[in-house]
Amino acid sequence: MTDSQKKAAYWQANLRLVLICLIIWFVVSFGFGILLVDPLNNIAIGGYKLGFWFAQQGSIYVFLGLIFFYASQMNKLDRKFDVHED
């Protein structure tokens, strides 16, 4: 694999990871927090409606999880393509 092919493959893998994170972000924030709020409000967690919970707190927890997920996956990609920092 040439250097330019290696760079292209690394960039493609990076874009795929970013796209996955953006899709999860969209589904949680827009989907669960706005579009699906009424069906989710039929479910209660700790006395709060699930739609309200996702809009107020759940999305924050998912976003924090996405940060750690992205960081760990990028570390794996960096090692795979030998661009990691020592």
N, C-alpha and C. Protein backbone atom coordinates (compact mmCIF):
# COMPACT_ATOMS: atom_id res chain seq x y z
N MET A 1 0.85 -1.17 0.00
CA MET A 1 0.00 0.00 0.00
C MET A 1 0.90 1.24 0.00
N THR A 2 0.67 2.12 -0.95
CA THR A 2 1.47 3.34 -1.03
C THR A 2 1.05 4.32 0.06
N ASP A 3 1.87 5.34 0.24
CA ASP A 3 1.59 6.33 1.27
C ASP A 3 0.29 7.07 1.00
N SER A 4 0.03 7.42 -0.25
CA SER A 4 -1.21 8.13 -0.57
C SER A 4 -2.43 7.23 -0.39
N GLN A 5 -2.30 5.95 -0.69
CA GLN A 5 -3.40 5.01 -0.46
C GLN A 5 -3.65 4.83 1.03
N LYS A 6 -2.58 4.81 1.82
CA LYS A 6 -2.69 4.69 3.26
C LYS A 6 -3.40 5.91 3.85
N LYS A 7 -3.04 7.10 3.36
CA LYS A 7 -3.69 8.33 3.82
C LYS A 7 -5.16 8.35 3.44
N ALA A 8 -5.47 7.91 2.22
CA ALA A 8 -6.86 7.88 1.76
C ALA A 8 -7.69 6.88 2.58
N ALA A 9 -7.11 5.73 2.89
CA ALA A 9 -7.83 4.73 3.68
C ALA A 9 -8.05 5.23 5.11
N TYR A 10 -7.05 5.91 5.67
CA TYR A 10 -7.18 6.47 7.01
C TYR A 10 -8.28 7.53 7.03
N TRP A 11 -8.28 8.39 6.04
CA TRP A 11 -9.29 9.45 5.97
C TRP A 11 -10.68 8.86 5.78
N GLN A 12 -10.79 7.84 4.97
CA GLN A 12 -12.09 7.18 4.74
C GLN A 12 -12.60 6.55 6.03
N ALA A 13 -11.72 5.90 6.77
CA ALA A 13 -12.12 5.30 8.05
C ALA A 13 -12.52 6.38 9.05
N ASN A 14 -11.81 7.49 9.05
CA ASN A 14 -12.13 8.61 9.93
C ASN A 14 -13.50 9.19 9.59
N LEU A 15 -13.77 9.39 8.32
CA LEU A 15 -15.06 9.91 7.90
C LEU A 15 -16.21 8.96 8.26
N ARG A 16 -15.97 7.67 8.12
CA ARG A 16 -16.98 6.68 8.47
C ARG A 16 -17.31 6.78 9.97
N LEU A 17 -16.28 6.92 10.79
CA LEU A 17 -16.48 7.05 12.23
C LEU A 17 -17.24 8.33 12.58
N VAL A 18 -16.88 9.42 11.94
CA VAL A 18 -17.57 10.69 12.18
C VAL A 18 -19.03 10.58 11.76
N LEU A 19 -19.29 9.94 10.64
CA LEU A 19 -20.66 9.77 10.16
C LEU A 19 -21.49 8.94 11.14
N ILE A 20 -20.91 7.89 11.68
CA ILE A 20 -21.62 7.07 12.67
C ILE A 20 -21.97 7.92 13.89
N CYS A 21 -21.01 8.70 14.37
CA CYS A 21 -21.26 9.55 15.54
C CYS A 21 -22.33 10.60 15.24
N LEU A 22 -22.30 11.17 14.05
CA LEU A 22 -23.31 12.18 13.70
C LEU A 22 -24.70 11.58 13.59
N ILE A 23 -24.79 10.37 13.07
CA ILE A 23 -26.09 9.71 12.96
C ILE A 23 -26.65 9.43 14.36
N ILE A 24 -25.81 8.93 15.26
CA ILE A 24 -26.26 8.69 16.63
C ILE A 24 -26.69 9.99 17.28
N TRP A 25 -25.90 11.05 17.10
CA TRP A 25 -26.23 12.36 17.66
C TRP A 25 -27.57 12.85 17.13
N PHE A 26 -27.80 12.71 15.82
CA PHE A 26 -29.05 13.16 15.22
C PHE A 26 -30.25 12.37 15.75
N VAL A 27 -30.12 11.06 15.79
CA VAL A 27 -31.23 10.22 16.25
C VAL A 27 -31.58 10.54 17.70
N VAL A 28 -30.57 10.71 18.54
CA VAL A 28 -30.84 10.97 19.96
C VAL A 28 -31.41 12.37 20.16
N SER A 29 -30.77 13.38 19.57
CA SER A 29 -31.20 14.76 19.85
C SER A 29 -32.49 15.12 19.10
N PHE A 30 -32.53 14.88 17.82
CA PHE A 30 -33.69 15.28 17.03
C PHE A 30 -34.78 14.21 17.07
N GLY A 31 -34.38 12.95 16.90
CA GLY A 31 -35.35 11.87 16.87
C GLY A 31 -36.03 11.64 18.20
N PHE A 32 -35.23 11.33 19.24
CA PHE A 32 -35.81 11.03 20.55
C PHE A 32 -36.30 12.29 21.26
N GLY A 33 -35.60 13.39 21.09
CA GLY A 33 -35.95 14.61 21.81
C GLY A 33 -37.09 15.40 21.21
N ILE A 34 -37.35 15.24 19.89
CA ILE A 34 -38.37 16.05 19.22
C ILE A 34 -39.41 15.18 18.51
N LEU A 35 -38.96 14.34 17.58
CA LEU A 35 -39.90 13.59 16.75
C LEU A 35 -40.63 12.48 17.51
N LEU A 36 -39.92 11.76 18.34
CA LEU A 36 -40.52 10.61 19.03
C LEU A 36 -40.87 10.90 20.48
N VAL A 37 -40.97 12.18 20.83
CA VAL A 37 -41.21 12.53 22.23
C VAL A 37 -42.57 12.03 22.72
N ASP A 38 -43.59 12.09 21.92
CA ASP A 38 -44.92 11.65 22.37
C ASP A 38 -44.97 10.15 22.64
N PRO A 39 -44.49 9.29 21.72
CA PRO A 39 -44.49 7.85 22.05
C PRO A 39 -43.59 7.52 23.24
N LEU A 40 -42.45 8.21 23.34
CA LEU A 40 -41.54 7.94 24.45
C LEU A 40 -42.10 8.41 25.79
N ASN A 41 -42.99 9.39 25.76
CA ASN A 41 -43.58 9.88 27.01
C ASN A 41 -44.54 8.88 27.64
N ASN A 42 -44.88 7.83 26.91
CA ASN A 42 -45.71 6.77 27.48
C ASN A 42 -44.92 5.85 28.40
N ILE A 43 -43.59 6.00 28.38
CA ILE A 43 -42.70 5.20 29.21
C ILE A 43 -42.12 6.12 30.28
N ALA A 44 -42.08 5.65 31.51
CA ALA A 44 -41.55 6.47 32.60
C ALA A 44 -40.30 5.83 33.19
N ILE A 45 -39.32 6.68 33.50
CA ILE A 45 -38.09 6.25 34.17
C ILE A 45 -37.92 7.13 35.40
N GLY A 46 -37.93 6.54 36.55
CA GLY A 46 -37.76 7.29 37.79
C GLY A 46 -38.81 8.37 38.00
N GLY A 47 -40.02 8.15 37.49
CA GLY A 47 -41.08 9.11 37.65
C GLY A 47 -41.13 10.18 36.57
N TYR A 48 -40.16 10.16 35.66
CA TYR A 48 -40.14 11.14 34.57
C TYR A 48 -40.47 10.46 33.26
N LYS A 49 -41.15 11.17 32.39
CA LYS A 49 -41.47 10.63 31.07
C LYS A 49 -40.18 10.49 30.27
N LEU A 50 -40.07 9.39 29.52
CA LEU A 50 -38.84 9.08 28.80
C LEU A 50 -38.51 10.13 27.74
N GLY A 51 -39.52 10.66 27.06
CA GLY A 51 -39.27 11.71 26.06
C GLY A 51 -38.67 12.95 26.69
N PHE A 52 -39.20 13.35 27.83
CA PHE A 52 -38.66 14.49 28.57
C PHE A 52 -37.23 14.19 29.03
N TRP A 53 -37.02 12.96 29.53
CA TRP A 53 -35.70 12.58 30.02
C TRP A 53 -34.67 12.66 28.91
N PHE A 54 -35.00 12.14 27.71
CA PHE A 54 -34.06 12.20 26.58
C PHE A 54 -33.78 13.64 26.18
N ALA A 55 -34.81 14.46 26.17
CA ALA A 55 -34.62 15.85 25.75
C ALA A 55 -33.78 16.62 26.76
N GLN A 56 -33.87 16.29 28.04
CA GLN A 56 -33.20 17.07 29.06
C GLN A 56 -31.88 16.46 29.55
N GLN A 57 -31.85 15.17 29.79
CA GLN A 57 -30.67 14.55 30.39
C GLN A 57 -30.08 13.43 29.56
N GLY A 58 -30.93 12.62 28.98
CA GLY A 58 -30.45 11.44 28.26
C GLY A 58 -29.53 11.78 27.11
N SER A 59 -29.87 12.84 26.39
CA SER A 59 -29.03 13.22 25.26
C SER A 59 -27.64 13.67 25.71
N ILE A 60 -27.55 14.29 26.87
CA ILE A 60 -26.24 14.71 27.39
C ILE A 60 -25.40 13.47 27.70
N TYR A 61 -26.00 12.47 28.33
CA TYR A 61 -25.26 11.24 28.62
C TYR A 61 -24.81 10.55 27.34
N VAL A 62 -25.67 10.53 26.33
CA VAL A 62 -25.29 9.91 25.06
C VAL A 62 -24.16 10.70 24.41
N PHE A 63 -24.20 12.02 24.46
CA PHE A 63 -23.14 12.84 23.88
C PHE A 63 -21.81 12.59 24.59
N LEU A 64 -21.84 12.48 25.90
CA LEU A 64 -20.61 12.17 26.64
C LEU A 64 -20.08 10.80 26.25
N GLY A 65 -20.99 9.85 26.10
CA GLY A 65 -20.58 8.52 25.63
C GLY A 65 -19.98 8.57 24.25
N LEU A 66 -20.53 9.40 23.38
CA LEU A 66 -19.99 9.54 22.02
C LEU A 66 -18.58 10.10 22.04
N ILE A 67 -18.30 11.00 22.95
CA ILE A 67 -16.95 11.55 23.04
C ILE A 67 -15.94 10.46 23.37
N PHE A 68 -16.27 9.64 24.37
CA PHE A 68 -15.36 8.55 24.74
C PHE A 68 -15.28 7.49 23.65
N PHE A 69 -16.40 7.20 23.01
CA PHE A 69 -16.40 6.25 21.90
C PHE A 69 -15.52 6.73 20.76
N TYR A 70 -15.68 8.00 20.38
CA TYR A 70 -14.89 8.57 19.28
C TYR A 70 -13.40 8.55 19.62
N ALA A 71 -13.06 8.93 20.83
CA ALA A 71 -11.64 8.96 21.23
C ALA A 71 -11.03 7.57 21.19
N SER A 72 -11.75 6.58 21.71
CA SER A 72 -11.19 5.22 21.71
C SER A 72 -11.07 4.67 20.30
N GLN A 73 -12.07 4.92 19.46
CA GLN A 73 -12.01 4.42 18.09
C GLN A 73 -10.92 5.12 17.28
N MET A 74 -10.72 6.40 17.53
CA MET A 74 -9.64 7.11 16.82
C MET A 74 -8.28 6.60 17.26
N ASN A 75 -8.13 6.27 18.54
CA ASN A 75 -6.88 5.67 19.00
C ASN A 75 -6.60 4.35 18.30
N LYS A 76 -7.65 3.55 18.12
CA LYS A 76 -7.49 2.29 17.39
C LYS A 76 -7.12 2.53 15.94
N LEU A 77 -7.79 3.51 15.31
CA LEU A 77 -7.47 3.82 13.91
C LEU A 77 -6.04 4.34 13.78
N ASP A 78 -5.63 5.18 14.70
CA ASP A 78 -4.27 5.72 14.66
C ASP A 78 -3.23 4.61 14.75
N ARG A 79 -3.46 3.64 15.63
CA ARG A 79 -2.53 2.51 15.74
C ARG A 79 -2.59 1.64 14.50
N LYS A 80 -3.78 1.43 13.97
CA LYS A 80 -3.92 0.59 12.78
C LYS A 80 -3.16 1.16 11.59
N PHE A 81 -3.22 2.49 11.42
CA PHE A 81 -2.57 3.13 10.28
C PHE A 81 -1.21 3.71 10.66
N ASP A 82 -0.74 3.38 11.85
CA ASP A 82 0.58 3.80 12.34
C ASP A 82 0.80 5.30 12.28
N VAL A 83 -0.19 6.04 12.77
CA VAL A 83 -0.07 7.49 12.87
C VAL A 83 -0.26 7.96 14.32
N HIS A 84 -0.15 7.02 15.25
CA HIS A 84 -0.35 7.34 16.66
C HIS A 84 0.86 8.07 17.23
N GLU A 85 0.59 8.78 18.32
CA GLU A 85 1.66 9.48 19.02
C GLU A 85 2.23 8.56 20.09
N ASP A 86 3.50 8.62 20.26
CA ASP A 86 4.14 7.75 21.28
C ASP A 86 4.19 8.41 22.61
